[in-house]
């Protein structure tokens, strides 16, 4: 898994790609260089989006919008290179997901069509049930708390890296994590009481 705190090579490239250099090429007008950025970051950013919004189709839409925003920002010279490009992209995707979650809440509950994943045996069925249960729990959290818990507990970012992505202090991330974990514990206890 590639995230803003690692620098291992992707399966796409035999060597580590310095995405800051690729971003500089995009900023200078090399539009085709953006494909390299997308190819290098698509998998981890898609996983992040899917975990944050809890719907694979919506994750694809959010990720596409995030890449459009990133491309525009690069061509308009709004990426200053202070943060790693991966961290900057995580921030764009996370913000797009938080916006999508907020819009979903203001629309109210809707009958969302989840992508139907073909049945692939007992193990996949158990995983699908577990993911559905996790998404149900995460969907009850605020968008910011959900983003913090997914970035740290699921994606494995450090609190500092999550703070960079969420554009807040490390203390704010810690506070969101405490609140999210407390809410998840309460939901779990609530589930045990109602099941038992």
N, C-alpha and C. Protein backbone atom coordinates (compact mmCIF):
# COMPACT_ATOMS: atom_id res chain seq x y z
N UNK A 1 0.84 -1.17 0.00
CA UNK A 1 0.00 0.00 0.00
C UNK A 1 0.89 1.24 0.00
N UNK A 2 0.69 2.10 -0.92
CA UNK A 2 1.43 3.35 -1.00
C UNK A 2 0.63 4.41 -0.29
N UNK A 3 1.27 5.14 0.58
CA UNK A 3 0.61 6.27 1.22
C UNK A 3 1.62 7.38 1.37
N UNK A 4 1.18 8.55 1.82
CA UNK A 4 2.09 9.69 1.87
C UNK A 4 3.31 9.51 2.76
N UNK A 5 3.35 8.46 3.58
CA UNK A 5 4.49 8.29 4.46
C UNK A 5 5.47 7.24 3.95
N UNK A 6 5.20 6.65 2.77
CA UNK A 6 6.12 5.65 2.25
C UNK A 6 6.68 6.09 0.91
N UNK A 7 7.81 5.49 0.56
CA UNK A 7 8.43 5.83 -0.72
C UNK A 7 8.82 4.58 -1.48
N UNK A 8 8.17 3.44 -1.21
CA UNK A 8 8.54 2.24 -1.95
C UNK A 8 8.03 2.32 -3.38
N UNK A 9 8.69 1.63 -4.27
CA UNK A 9 8.27 1.65 -5.66
C UNK A 9 6.92 0.99 -5.84
N UNK A 10 6.17 1.48 -6.80
CA UNK A 10 4.88 0.88 -7.12
C UNK A 10 5.12 -0.26 -8.09
N UNK A 11 4.11 -1.10 -8.24
CA UNK A 11 4.23 -2.20 -9.19
C UNK A 11 4.26 -1.68 -10.62
N UNK A 12 3.86 -0.44 -10.82
CA UNK A 12 3.84 0.16 -12.15
C UNK A 12 5.27 0.47 -12.61
N UNK A 13 6.10 0.88 -11.68
CA UNK A 13 7.43 1.33 -12.03
C UNK A 13 8.48 0.43 -11.41
N UNK A 14 9.56 0.21 -12.14
CA UNK A 14 10.66 -0.58 -11.61
C UNK A 14 11.47 0.24 -10.62
N UNK A 15 11.43 1.55 -10.72
CA UNK A 15 12.14 2.44 -9.81
C UNK A 15 11.16 3.43 -9.21
N UNK A 16 11.54 4.02 -8.11
CA UNK A 16 10.70 5.01 -7.46
C UNK A 16 10.59 6.25 -8.35
N UNK A 17 9.37 6.72 -8.51
CA UNK A 17 9.12 7.90 -9.32
C UNK A 17 9.07 9.10 -8.39
N UNK A 18 9.80 10.14 -8.73
CA UNK A 18 9.71 11.38 -7.97
C UNK A 18 8.55 12.18 -8.56
N UNK A 19 7.41 12.07 -7.91
CA UNK A 19 6.21 12.70 -8.45
C UNK A 19 6.28 14.23 -8.42
N UNK A 20 7.14 14.78 -7.59
CA UNK A 20 7.29 16.25 -7.62
C UNK A 20 7.88 16.70 -8.96
N UNK A 21 8.80 15.91 -9.48
CA UNK A 21 9.38 16.24 -10.79
C UNK A 21 8.34 16.08 -11.89
N UNK A 22 7.53 15.04 -11.78
CA UNK A 22 6.47 14.83 -12.77
C UNK A 22 5.46 15.99 -12.68
N UNK A 23 5.12 16.41 -11.46
CA UNK A 23 4.20 17.53 -11.28
C UNK A 23 4.77 18.81 -11.89
N UNK A 24 6.07 19.00 -11.77
CA UNK A 24 6.70 20.18 -12.37
C UNK A 24 6.58 20.14 -13.89
N UNK A 25 6.68 18.94 -14.47
CA UNK A 25 6.50 18.81 -15.92
C UNK A 25 5.07 19.17 -16.33
N UNK A 26 4.10 18.75 -15.53
CA UNK A 26 2.70 19.09 -15.82
C UNK A 26 2.53 20.60 -15.73
N UNK A 27 3.10 21.21 -14.71
CA UNK A 27 2.98 22.66 -14.53
C UNK A 27 3.59 23.43 -15.70
N UNK A 28 4.60 22.82 -16.36
CA UNK A 28 5.24 23.47 -17.50
C UNK A 28 4.54 23.16 -18.82
N UNK A 29 3.40 22.46 -18.73
CA UNK A 29 2.63 22.22 -19.95
C UNK A 29 2.66 20.81 -20.50
N UNK A 30 3.39 19.90 -19.86
CA UNK A 30 3.44 18.51 -20.32
C UNK A 30 2.21 17.78 -19.79
N UNK A 31 1.10 17.92 -20.50
CA UNK A 31 -0.18 17.36 -20.09
C UNK A 31 -0.11 15.85 -19.97
N UNK A 32 0.63 15.20 -20.85
CA UNK A 32 0.74 13.73 -20.84
C UNK A 32 1.41 13.21 -19.56
N UNK A 33 2.22 14.03 -18.92
CA UNK A 33 2.89 13.60 -17.69
C UNK A 33 1.90 13.33 -16.56
N UNK A 34 0.73 13.95 -16.64
CA UNK A 34 -0.27 13.73 -15.60
C UNK A 34 -0.71 12.27 -15.57
N UNK A 35 -0.68 11.59 -16.71
CA UNK A 35 -1.03 10.16 -16.77
C UNK A 35 -0.14 9.36 -15.82
N UNK A 36 1.14 9.72 -15.74
CA UNK A 36 2.07 9.02 -14.85
C UNK A 36 1.67 9.21 -13.39
N UNK A 37 1.22 10.40 -13.05
CA UNK A 37 0.76 10.66 -11.69
C UNK A 37 -0.47 9.80 -11.39
N UNK A 38 -1.41 9.77 -12.31
CA UNK A 38 -2.63 8.98 -12.12
C UNK A 38 -2.27 7.49 -11.99
N UNK A 39 -1.44 7.00 -12.89
CA UNK A 39 -1.07 5.58 -12.85
C UNK A 39 -0.38 5.21 -11.54
N UNK A 40 0.43 6.11 -11.04
CA UNK A 40 1.21 5.84 -9.82
C UNK A 40 0.35 5.91 -8.56
N UNK A 41 -0.71 6.70 -8.57
CA UNK A 41 -1.47 6.96 -7.33
C UNK A 41 -2.89 6.42 -7.34
N UNK A 42 -3.37 5.93 -8.46
CA UNK A 42 -4.78 5.53 -8.59
C UNK A 42 -5.22 4.51 -7.55
N UNK A 43 -4.49 3.43 -7.36
CA UNK A 43 -4.92 2.37 -6.45
C UNK A 43 -5.08 2.85 -5.00
N UNK A 44 -4.05 3.46 -4.42
CA UNK A 44 -4.23 3.88 -3.02
C UNK A 44 -5.28 4.99 -2.87
N UNK A 45 -5.38 5.88 -3.85
CA UNK A 45 -6.38 6.94 -3.74
C UNK A 45 -7.79 6.40 -3.92
N UNK A 46 -7.95 5.41 -4.78
CA UNK A 46 -9.26 4.79 -4.95
C UNK A 46 -9.68 4.06 -3.68
N UNK A 47 -8.74 3.32 -3.07
CA UNK A 47 -9.05 2.63 -1.81
C UNK A 47 -9.47 3.64 -0.75
N UNK A 48 -8.73 4.75 -0.67
CA UNK A 48 -9.06 5.79 0.29
C UNK A 48 -10.47 6.33 0.04
N UNK A 49 -10.77 6.67 -1.20
CA UNK A 49 -12.08 7.22 -1.53
C UNK A 49 -13.19 6.22 -1.22
N UNK A 50 -12.97 4.96 -1.57
CA UNK A 50 -13.99 3.94 -1.32
C UNK A 50 -14.23 3.76 0.17
N UNK A 51 -13.17 3.80 0.96
CA UNK A 51 -13.32 3.65 2.41
C UNK A 51 -14.00 4.87 3.02
N UNK A 52 -13.70 6.03 2.48
CA UNK A 52 -14.30 7.24 3.05
C UNK A 52 -15.77 7.40 2.69
N UNK A 53 -16.14 7.15 1.44
CA UNK A 53 -17.54 7.35 1.04
C UNK A 53 -18.37 6.08 1.17
N UNK A 54 -17.71 4.92 1.24
CA UNK A 54 -18.43 3.68 1.46
C UNK A 54 -19.22 3.16 0.28
N UNK A 55 -18.92 3.65 -0.90
CA UNK A 55 -19.64 3.22 -2.10
C UNK A 55 -18.67 3.26 -3.26
N UNK A 56 -18.50 2.13 -3.94
CA UNK A 56 -17.46 2.06 -4.98
C UNK A 56 -17.76 2.96 -6.18
N UNK A 57 -19.02 3.06 -6.56
CA UNK A 57 -19.37 3.92 -7.70
C UNK A 57 -19.14 5.38 -7.35
N UNK A 58 -19.55 5.78 -6.16
CA UNK A 58 -19.35 7.16 -5.73
C UNK A 58 -17.85 7.45 -5.56
N UNK A 59 -17.09 6.45 -5.10
CA UNK A 59 -15.65 6.62 -4.95
C UNK A 59 -14.99 6.91 -6.30
N UNK A 60 -15.44 6.22 -7.35
CA UNK A 60 -14.90 6.48 -8.68
C UNK A 60 -15.20 7.91 -9.13
N UNK A 61 -16.42 8.37 -8.87
CA UNK A 61 -16.79 9.74 -9.25
C UNK A 61 -15.97 10.76 -8.47
N UNK A 62 -15.85 10.52 -7.17
CA UNK A 62 -15.10 11.45 -6.31
C UNK A 62 -13.63 11.49 -6.75
N UNK A 63 -13.07 10.32 -7.04
CA UNK A 63 -11.66 10.27 -7.44
C UNK A 63 -11.45 10.99 -8.77
N UNK A 64 -12.37 10.79 -9.70
CA UNK A 64 -12.26 11.48 -10.99
C UNK A 64 -12.31 12.99 -10.79
N UNK A 65 -13.24 13.47 -9.97
CA UNK A 65 -13.32 14.90 -9.69
C UNK A 65 -12.05 15.41 -9.01
N UNK A 66 -11.50 14.60 -8.11
CA UNK A 66 -10.27 14.99 -7.41
C UNK A 66 -9.10 15.10 -8.38
N UNK A 67 -9.01 14.16 -9.33
CA UNK A 67 -7.94 14.24 -10.33
C UNK A 67 -8.10 15.46 -11.23
N UNK A 68 -9.33 15.80 -11.57
CA UNK A 68 -9.57 17.01 -12.37
C UNK A 68 -9.10 18.24 -11.58
N UNK A 69 -9.46 18.30 -10.30
CA UNK A 69 -9.03 19.42 -9.45
C UNK A 69 -7.51 19.48 -9.35
N UNK A 70 -6.88 18.32 -9.18
CA UNK A 70 -5.42 18.28 -9.06
C UNK A 70 -4.77 18.74 -10.37
N UNK A 71 -5.28 18.28 -11.49
CA UNK A 71 -4.73 18.68 -12.79
C UNK A 71 -4.82 20.19 -12.96
N UNK A 72 -5.99 20.73 -12.66
CA UNK A 72 -6.16 22.19 -12.78
C UNK A 72 -5.21 22.95 -11.87
N UNK A 73 -5.07 22.45 -10.65
CA UNK A 73 -4.17 23.11 -9.70
C UNK A 73 -2.73 23.05 -10.18
N UNK A 74 -2.33 21.93 -10.75
CA UNK A 74 -0.96 21.81 -11.27
C UNK A 74 -0.74 22.74 -12.45
N UNK A 75 -1.69 22.77 -13.37
CA UNK A 75 -1.51 23.62 -14.56
C UNK A 75 -1.63 25.10 -14.21
N UNK A 76 -2.30 25.42 -13.11
CA UNK A 76 -2.41 26.81 -12.65
C UNK A 76 -1.31 27.17 -11.65
N UNK A 77 -0.35 26.26 -11.47
CA UNK A 77 0.79 26.46 -10.57
C UNK A 77 0.36 26.69 -9.13
N UNK A 78 -0.66 25.97 -8.67
CA UNK A 78 -1.11 26.09 -7.29
C UNK A 78 -0.52 25.03 -6.37
N UNK A 79 0.27 24.12 -6.91
CA UNK A 79 1.01 23.16 -6.08
C UNK A 79 2.40 23.72 -5.88
N UNK A 80 2.76 24.01 -4.61
CA UNK A 80 4.03 24.68 -4.35
C UNK A 80 5.17 23.71 -4.04
N UNK A 81 4.88 22.42 -3.94
CA UNK A 81 5.94 21.44 -3.73
C UNK A 81 6.41 21.30 -2.30
N UNK A 82 5.81 22.04 -1.36
CA UNK A 82 6.24 21.90 0.03
C UNK A 82 5.88 20.54 0.60
N UNK A 83 4.68 20.05 0.28
CA UNK A 83 4.26 18.72 0.71
C UNK A 83 4.57 17.73 -0.42
N UNK A 84 4.76 16.46 -0.05
CA UNK A 84 4.91 15.44 -1.08
C UNK A 84 3.65 15.45 -1.93
N UNK A 85 3.80 15.16 -3.19
CA UNK A 85 2.65 15.15 -4.09
C UNK A 85 1.59 14.16 -3.60
N UNK A 86 2.03 13.00 -3.11
CA UNK A 86 1.07 12.02 -2.61
C UNK A 86 0.24 12.58 -1.47
N UNK A 87 0.87 13.29 -0.55
CA UNK A 87 0.16 13.91 0.58
C UNK A 87 -0.84 14.94 0.06
N UNK A 88 -0.41 15.74 -0.89
CA UNK A 88 -1.28 16.75 -1.49
C UNK A 88 -2.48 16.10 -2.16
N UNK A 89 -2.26 14.99 -2.88
CA UNK A 89 -3.36 14.28 -3.53
C UNK A 89 -4.29 13.64 -2.51
N UNK A 90 -3.73 13.07 -1.44
CA UNK A 90 -4.57 12.54 -0.37
C UNK A 90 -5.48 13.64 0.17
N UNK A 91 -4.93 14.84 0.34
CA UNK A 91 -5.72 15.97 0.85
C UNK A 91 -6.86 16.29 -0.11
N UNK A 92 -6.58 16.34 -1.40
CA UNK A 92 -7.61 16.65 -2.39
C UNK A 92 -8.70 15.59 -2.38
N UNK A 93 -8.30 14.32 -2.36
CA UNK A 93 -9.28 13.23 -2.36
C UNK A 93 -10.08 13.24 -1.06
N UNK A 94 -9.42 13.41 0.06
CA UNK A 94 -10.12 13.44 1.35
C UNK A 94 -11.12 14.57 1.38
N UNK A 95 -10.72 15.75 0.93
CA UNK A 95 -11.64 16.89 0.91
C UNK A 95 -12.83 16.62 -0.01
N UNK A 96 -12.58 16.01 -1.16
CA UNK A 96 -13.68 15.67 -2.08
C UNK A 96 -14.63 14.67 -1.44
N UNK A 97 -14.07 13.70 -0.71
CA UNK A 97 -14.92 12.71 -0.02
C UNK A 97 -15.73 13.35 1.10
N UNK A 98 -15.09 14.21 1.87
CA UNK A 98 -15.81 14.90 2.96
C UNK A 98 -16.95 15.73 2.37
N UNK A 99 -16.68 16.41 1.27
CA UNK A 99 -17.75 17.18 0.61
C UNK A 99 -18.88 16.27 0.14
N UNK A 100 -18.53 15.12 -0.44
CA UNK A 100 -19.55 14.17 -0.91
C UNK A 100 -20.38 13.64 0.27
N UNK A 101 -19.72 13.35 1.39
CA UNK A 101 -20.44 12.86 2.57
C UNK A 101 -21.37 13.94 3.13
N UNK A 102 -20.91 15.18 3.13
CA UNK A 102 -21.77 16.27 3.60
C UNK A 102 -22.98 16.45 2.69
N UNK A 103 -22.76 16.38 1.38
CA UNK A 103 -23.88 16.50 0.44
C UNK A 103 -24.86 15.37 0.64
N UNK A 104 -24.35 14.16 0.89
CA UNK A 104 -25.20 13.01 1.11
C UNK A 104 -26.07 13.22 2.35
N UNK A 105 -25.49 13.78 3.39
CA UNK A 105 -26.25 14.02 4.63
C UNK A 105 -27.31 15.09 4.44
N UNK A 106 -27.00 16.13 3.65
CA UNK A 106 -28.00 17.18 3.43
C UNK A 106 -29.13 16.70 2.53
N UNK A 107 -28.84 15.75 1.64
CA UNK A 107 -29.88 15.17 0.79
C UNK A 107 -30.80 14.28 1.60
N UNK A 108 -30.30 13.80 2.73
CA UNK A 108 -31.07 12.87 3.54
C UNK A 108 -30.87 11.46 3.05
N UNK A 109 -31.49 10.52 3.74
CA UNK A 109 -31.31 9.12 3.35
C UNK A 109 -31.89 8.85 1.97
N UNK A 110 -31.12 8.19 1.16
CA UNK A 110 -31.58 7.81 -0.18
C UNK A 110 -31.31 6.34 -0.38
N UNK A 111 -32.00 5.76 -1.29
CA UNK A 111 -31.76 4.36 -1.61
C UNK A 111 -30.58 4.31 -2.57
N UNK A 112 -29.40 4.11 -2.03
CA UNK A 112 -28.20 4.09 -2.85
C UNK A 112 -28.00 2.71 -3.42
N UNK A 113 -27.68 2.64 -4.68
CA UNK A 113 -27.41 1.35 -5.32
C UNK A 113 -25.92 1.07 -5.19
N UNK A 114 -25.61 0.03 -4.47
CA UNK A 114 -24.21 -0.39 -4.34
C UNK A 114 -23.86 -1.24 -5.55
N UNK A 115 -22.61 -1.18 -5.97
CA UNK A 115 -22.18 -2.02 -7.08
C UNK A 115 -22.28 -3.48 -6.63
N UNK A 116 -22.89 -4.30 -7.44
CA UNK A 116 -23.07 -5.70 -7.09
C UNK A 116 -21.79 -6.45 -7.40
N UNK A 117 -21.16 -6.94 -6.35
CA UNK A 117 -19.92 -7.68 -6.51
C UNK A 117 -20.27 -9.15 -6.64
N UNK A 118 -19.75 -9.82 -7.64
CA UNK A 118 -20.11 -11.23 -7.83
C UNK A 118 -19.67 -12.09 -6.66
N UNK A 119 -20.44 -13.12 -6.35
CA UNK A 119 -20.13 -14.04 -5.28
C UNK A 119 -18.90 -14.86 -5.64
N UNK A 120 -17.91 -14.86 -4.74
CA UNK A 120 -16.68 -15.58 -5.03
C UNK A 120 -16.30 -16.52 -3.89
N UNK A 121 -17.29 -17.13 -3.26
CA UNK A 121 -17.00 -18.11 -2.22
C UNK A 121 -17.20 -17.57 -0.82
N UNK A 122 -17.01 -18.46 0.14
CA UNK A 122 -17.27 -18.18 1.55
C UNK A 122 -16.41 -17.03 2.10
N UNK A 123 -15.12 -17.03 1.78
CA UNK A 123 -14.22 -16.00 2.30
C UNK A 123 -14.64 -14.62 1.82
N UNK A 124 -14.93 -14.49 0.53
CA UNK A 124 -15.35 -13.20 0.00
C UNK A 124 -16.68 -12.77 0.60
N UNK A 125 -17.58 -13.71 0.82
CA UNK A 125 -18.87 -13.38 1.42
C UNK A 125 -18.68 -12.82 2.82
N UNK A 126 -17.80 -13.44 3.61
CA UNK A 126 -17.52 -12.95 4.96
C UNK A 126 -16.88 -11.55 4.91
N UNK A 127 -15.97 -11.36 3.98
CA UNK A 127 -15.32 -10.06 3.84
C UNK A 127 -16.33 -8.99 3.45
N UNK A 128 -17.24 -9.33 2.54
CA UNK A 128 -18.26 -8.37 2.12
C UNK A 128 -19.16 -7.99 3.28
N UNK A 129 -19.53 -8.98 4.11
CA UNK A 129 -20.37 -8.69 5.27
C UNK A 129 -19.61 -7.79 6.24
N UNK A 130 -18.35 -8.11 6.49
CA UNK A 130 -17.54 -7.30 7.41
C UNK A 130 -17.39 -5.87 6.89
N UNK A 131 -17.13 -5.73 5.59
CA UNK A 131 -17.00 -4.38 5.02
C UNK A 131 -18.32 -3.62 5.08
N UNK A 132 -19.42 -4.30 4.85
CA UNK A 132 -20.74 -3.65 4.93
C UNK A 132 -21.00 -3.18 6.36
N UNK A 133 -20.64 -4.02 7.34
CA UNK A 133 -20.83 -3.64 8.74
C UNK A 133 -19.93 -2.46 9.11
N UNK A 134 -18.69 -2.49 8.64
CA UNK A 134 -17.77 -1.37 8.91
C UNK A 134 -18.30 -0.09 8.29
N UNK A 135 -18.76 -0.18 7.05
CA UNK A 135 -19.30 1.02 6.39
C UNK A 135 -20.51 1.55 7.14
N UNK A 136 -21.36 0.65 7.63
CA UNK A 136 -22.54 1.08 8.40
C UNK A 136 -22.11 1.85 9.63
N UNK A 137 -21.12 1.34 10.34
CA UNK A 137 -20.63 2.04 11.54
C UNK A 137 -19.98 3.38 11.17
N UNK A 138 -19.11 3.36 10.15
CA UNK A 138 -18.42 4.59 9.75
C UNK A 138 -19.39 5.64 9.24
N UNK A 139 -20.47 5.20 8.61
CA UNK A 139 -21.42 6.17 8.04
C UNK A 139 -22.12 6.98 9.12
N UNK A 140 -22.09 6.49 10.35
CA UNK A 140 -22.72 7.23 11.46
C UNK A 140 -21.81 8.31 12.04
N UNK A 141 -20.53 8.29 11.66
CA UNK A 141 -19.59 9.30 12.14
C UNK A 141 -19.70 10.56 11.30
N UNK A 142 -19.26 11.68 11.88
CA UNK A 142 -19.19 12.90 11.09
C UNK A 142 -18.14 12.69 10.00
N UNK A 143 -18.23 13.47 8.95
CA UNK A 143 -17.30 13.33 7.83
C UNK A 143 -15.85 13.51 8.28
N UNK A 144 -15.59 14.48 9.15
CA UNK A 144 -14.22 14.74 9.61
C UNK A 144 -13.71 13.62 10.51
N UNK A 145 -14.57 13.09 11.40
CA UNK A 145 -14.15 11.98 12.26
C UNK A 145 -13.91 10.73 11.42
N UNK A 146 -14.76 10.50 10.44
CA UNK A 146 -14.61 9.34 9.55
C UNK A 146 -13.29 9.45 8.79
N UNK A 147 -12.99 10.64 8.28
CA UNK A 147 -11.74 10.83 7.54
C UNK A 147 -10.54 10.55 8.44
N UNK A 148 -10.56 11.05 9.66
CA UNK A 148 -9.42 10.84 10.57
C UNK A 148 -9.23 9.36 10.88
N UNK A 149 -10.29 8.65 11.20
CA UNK A 149 -10.16 7.23 11.57
C UNK A 149 -9.74 6.39 10.37
N UNK A 150 -10.25 6.70 9.19
CA UNK A 150 -9.86 5.93 8.00
C UNK A 150 -8.40 6.20 7.66
N UNK A 151 -7.98 7.45 7.69
CA UNK A 151 -6.60 7.77 7.35
C UNK A 151 -5.60 7.11 8.30
N UNK A 152 -5.91 7.13 9.60
CA UNK A 152 -4.95 6.61 10.58
C UNK A 152 -5.12 5.10 10.80
N UNK A 153 -6.33 4.66 11.08
CA UNK A 153 -6.53 3.26 11.46
C UNK A 153 -6.60 2.32 10.26
N UNK A 154 -7.09 2.79 9.13
CA UNK A 154 -7.25 1.91 7.97
C UNK A 154 -6.10 2.09 6.98
N UNK A 155 -5.81 3.33 6.62
CA UNK A 155 -4.74 3.60 5.66
C UNK A 155 -3.35 3.54 6.27
N UNK A 156 -3.26 3.64 7.59
CA UNK A 156 -1.97 3.51 8.26
C UNK A 156 -1.12 4.76 8.28
N UNK A 157 -1.71 5.92 8.04
CA UNK A 157 -0.94 7.16 8.11
C UNK A 157 -0.62 7.48 9.56
N UNK A 158 0.46 8.19 9.76
CA UNK A 158 0.76 8.69 11.09
C UNK A 158 -0.19 9.84 11.39
N UNK A 159 -0.31 10.20 12.65
CA UNK A 159 -1.16 11.33 13.02
C UNK A 159 -0.66 12.60 12.34
N UNK A 160 0.67 12.75 12.24
CA UNK A 160 1.23 13.94 11.58
C UNK A 160 0.84 13.97 10.10
N UNK A 161 0.96 12.82 9.42
CA UNK A 161 0.59 12.77 8.00
C UNK A 161 -0.90 13.02 7.82
N UNK A 162 -1.73 12.47 8.70
CA UNK A 162 -3.17 12.71 8.63
C UNK A 162 -3.48 14.18 8.86
N UNK A 163 -2.75 14.82 9.77
CA UNK A 163 -2.94 16.26 10.01
C UNK A 163 -2.59 17.06 8.76
N UNK A 164 -1.54 16.67 8.06
CA UNK A 164 -1.17 17.34 6.81
C UNK A 164 -2.28 17.17 5.77
N UNK A 165 -2.82 15.96 5.66
CA UNK A 165 -3.87 15.69 4.69
C UNK A 165 -5.13 16.48 5.04
N UNK A 166 -5.50 16.48 6.32
CA UNK A 166 -6.73 17.14 6.75
C UNK A 166 -6.56 18.64 6.98
N UNK A 167 -5.33 19.12 6.82
CA UNK A 167 -5.00 20.53 7.01
C UNK A 167 -5.46 21.05 8.38
N UNK A 168 -5.04 20.32 9.41
CA UNK A 168 -5.35 20.71 10.78
C UNK A 168 -4.16 20.33 11.65
N UNK A 169 -4.26 20.59 12.92
CA UNK A 169 -3.17 20.26 13.83
C UNK A 169 -3.22 18.78 14.20
N UNK A 170 -2.10 18.29 14.69
CA UNK A 170 -2.06 16.90 15.16
C UNK A 170 -3.02 16.72 16.32
N UNK A 171 -3.14 17.74 17.17
CA UNK A 171 -4.08 17.68 18.28
C UNK A 171 -5.52 17.52 17.81
N UNK A 172 -5.86 18.21 16.72
CA UNK A 172 -7.21 18.10 16.17
C UNK A 172 -7.47 16.69 15.64
N UNK A 173 -6.45 16.09 15.01
CA UNK A 173 -6.60 14.71 14.53
C UNK A 173 -6.78 13.78 15.72
N UNK A 174 -5.95 13.94 16.75
CA UNK A 174 -6.07 13.10 17.95
C UNK A 174 -7.48 13.23 18.56
N UNK A 175 -7.98 14.45 18.61
CA UNK A 175 -9.32 14.68 19.15
C UNK A 175 -10.38 13.98 18.30
N UNK A 176 -10.26 14.05 16.98
CA UNK A 176 -11.21 13.38 16.08
C UNK A 176 -11.12 11.87 16.26
N UNK A 177 -9.89 11.35 16.44
CA UNK A 177 -9.72 9.91 16.65
C UNK A 177 -10.37 9.46 17.95
N UNK A 178 -10.17 10.22 19.01
CA UNK A 178 -10.79 9.87 20.29
C UNK A 178 -12.30 9.87 20.16
N UNK A 179 -12.83 10.90 19.53
CA UNK A 179 -14.28 11.00 19.34
C UNK A 179 -14.81 9.86 18.47
N UNK A 180 -14.10 9.54 17.39
CA UNK A 180 -14.52 8.47 16.49
C UNK A 180 -14.47 7.12 17.19
N UNK A 181 -13.38 6.85 17.90
CA UNK A 181 -13.25 5.57 18.60
C UNK A 181 -14.31 5.43 19.68
N UNK A 182 -14.56 6.51 20.38
CA UNK A 182 -15.60 6.49 21.43
C UNK A 182 -16.97 6.20 20.81
N UNK A 183 -17.26 6.86 19.71
CA UNK A 183 -18.54 6.63 19.03
C UNK A 183 -18.65 5.20 18.52
N UNK A 184 -17.58 4.69 17.95
CA UNK A 184 -17.59 3.31 17.44
C UNK A 184 -17.76 2.30 18.57
N UNK A 185 -17.09 2.55 19.71
CA UNK A 185 -17.26 1.67 20.88
C UNK A 185 -18.71 1.68 21.35
N UNK A 186 -19.29 2.88 21.42
CA UNK A 186 -20.69 3.00 21.87
C UNK A 186 -21.63 2.28 20.90
N UNK A 187 -21.38 2.41 19.61
CA UNK A 187 -22.21 1.72 18.61
C UNK A 187 -22.07 0.21 18.75
N UNK A 188 -20.86 -0.23 19.01
CA UNK A 188 -20.60 -1.67 19.16
C UNK A 188 -21.33 -2.19 20.40
N UNK A 189 -21.25 -1.45 21.50
CA UNK A 189 -21.96 -1.84 22.71
C UNK A 189 -23.47 -1.84 22.48
N UNK A 190 -23.94 -0.85 21.79
CA UNK A 190 -25.36 -0.76 21.44
C UNK A 190 -25.78 -1.99 20.64
N UNK A 191 -24.94 -2.42 19.72
CA UNK A 191 -25.22 -3.59 18.90
C UNK A 191 -25.23 -4.86 19.73
N UNK A 192 -24.31 -4.96 20.71
CA UNK A 192 -24.28 -6.14 21.58
C UNK A 192 -25.53 -6.21 22.46
N UNK A 193 -25.98 -5.05 22.95
CA UNK A 193 -27.17 -5.01 23.79
C UNK A 193 -28.40 -5.40 22.98
N UNK A 194 -28.53 -4.87 21.78
CA UNK A 194 -29.71 -5.16 20.96
C UNK A 194 -29.68 -6.58 20.40
N UNK A 195 -28.45 -7.14 20.18
CA UNK A 195 -28.34 -8.51 19.68
C UNK A 195 -28.49 -9.54 20.81
N UNK A 196 -28.06 -9.16 22.01
CA UNK A 196 -28.00 -10.12 23.10
C UNK A 196 -29.19 -10.08 23.93
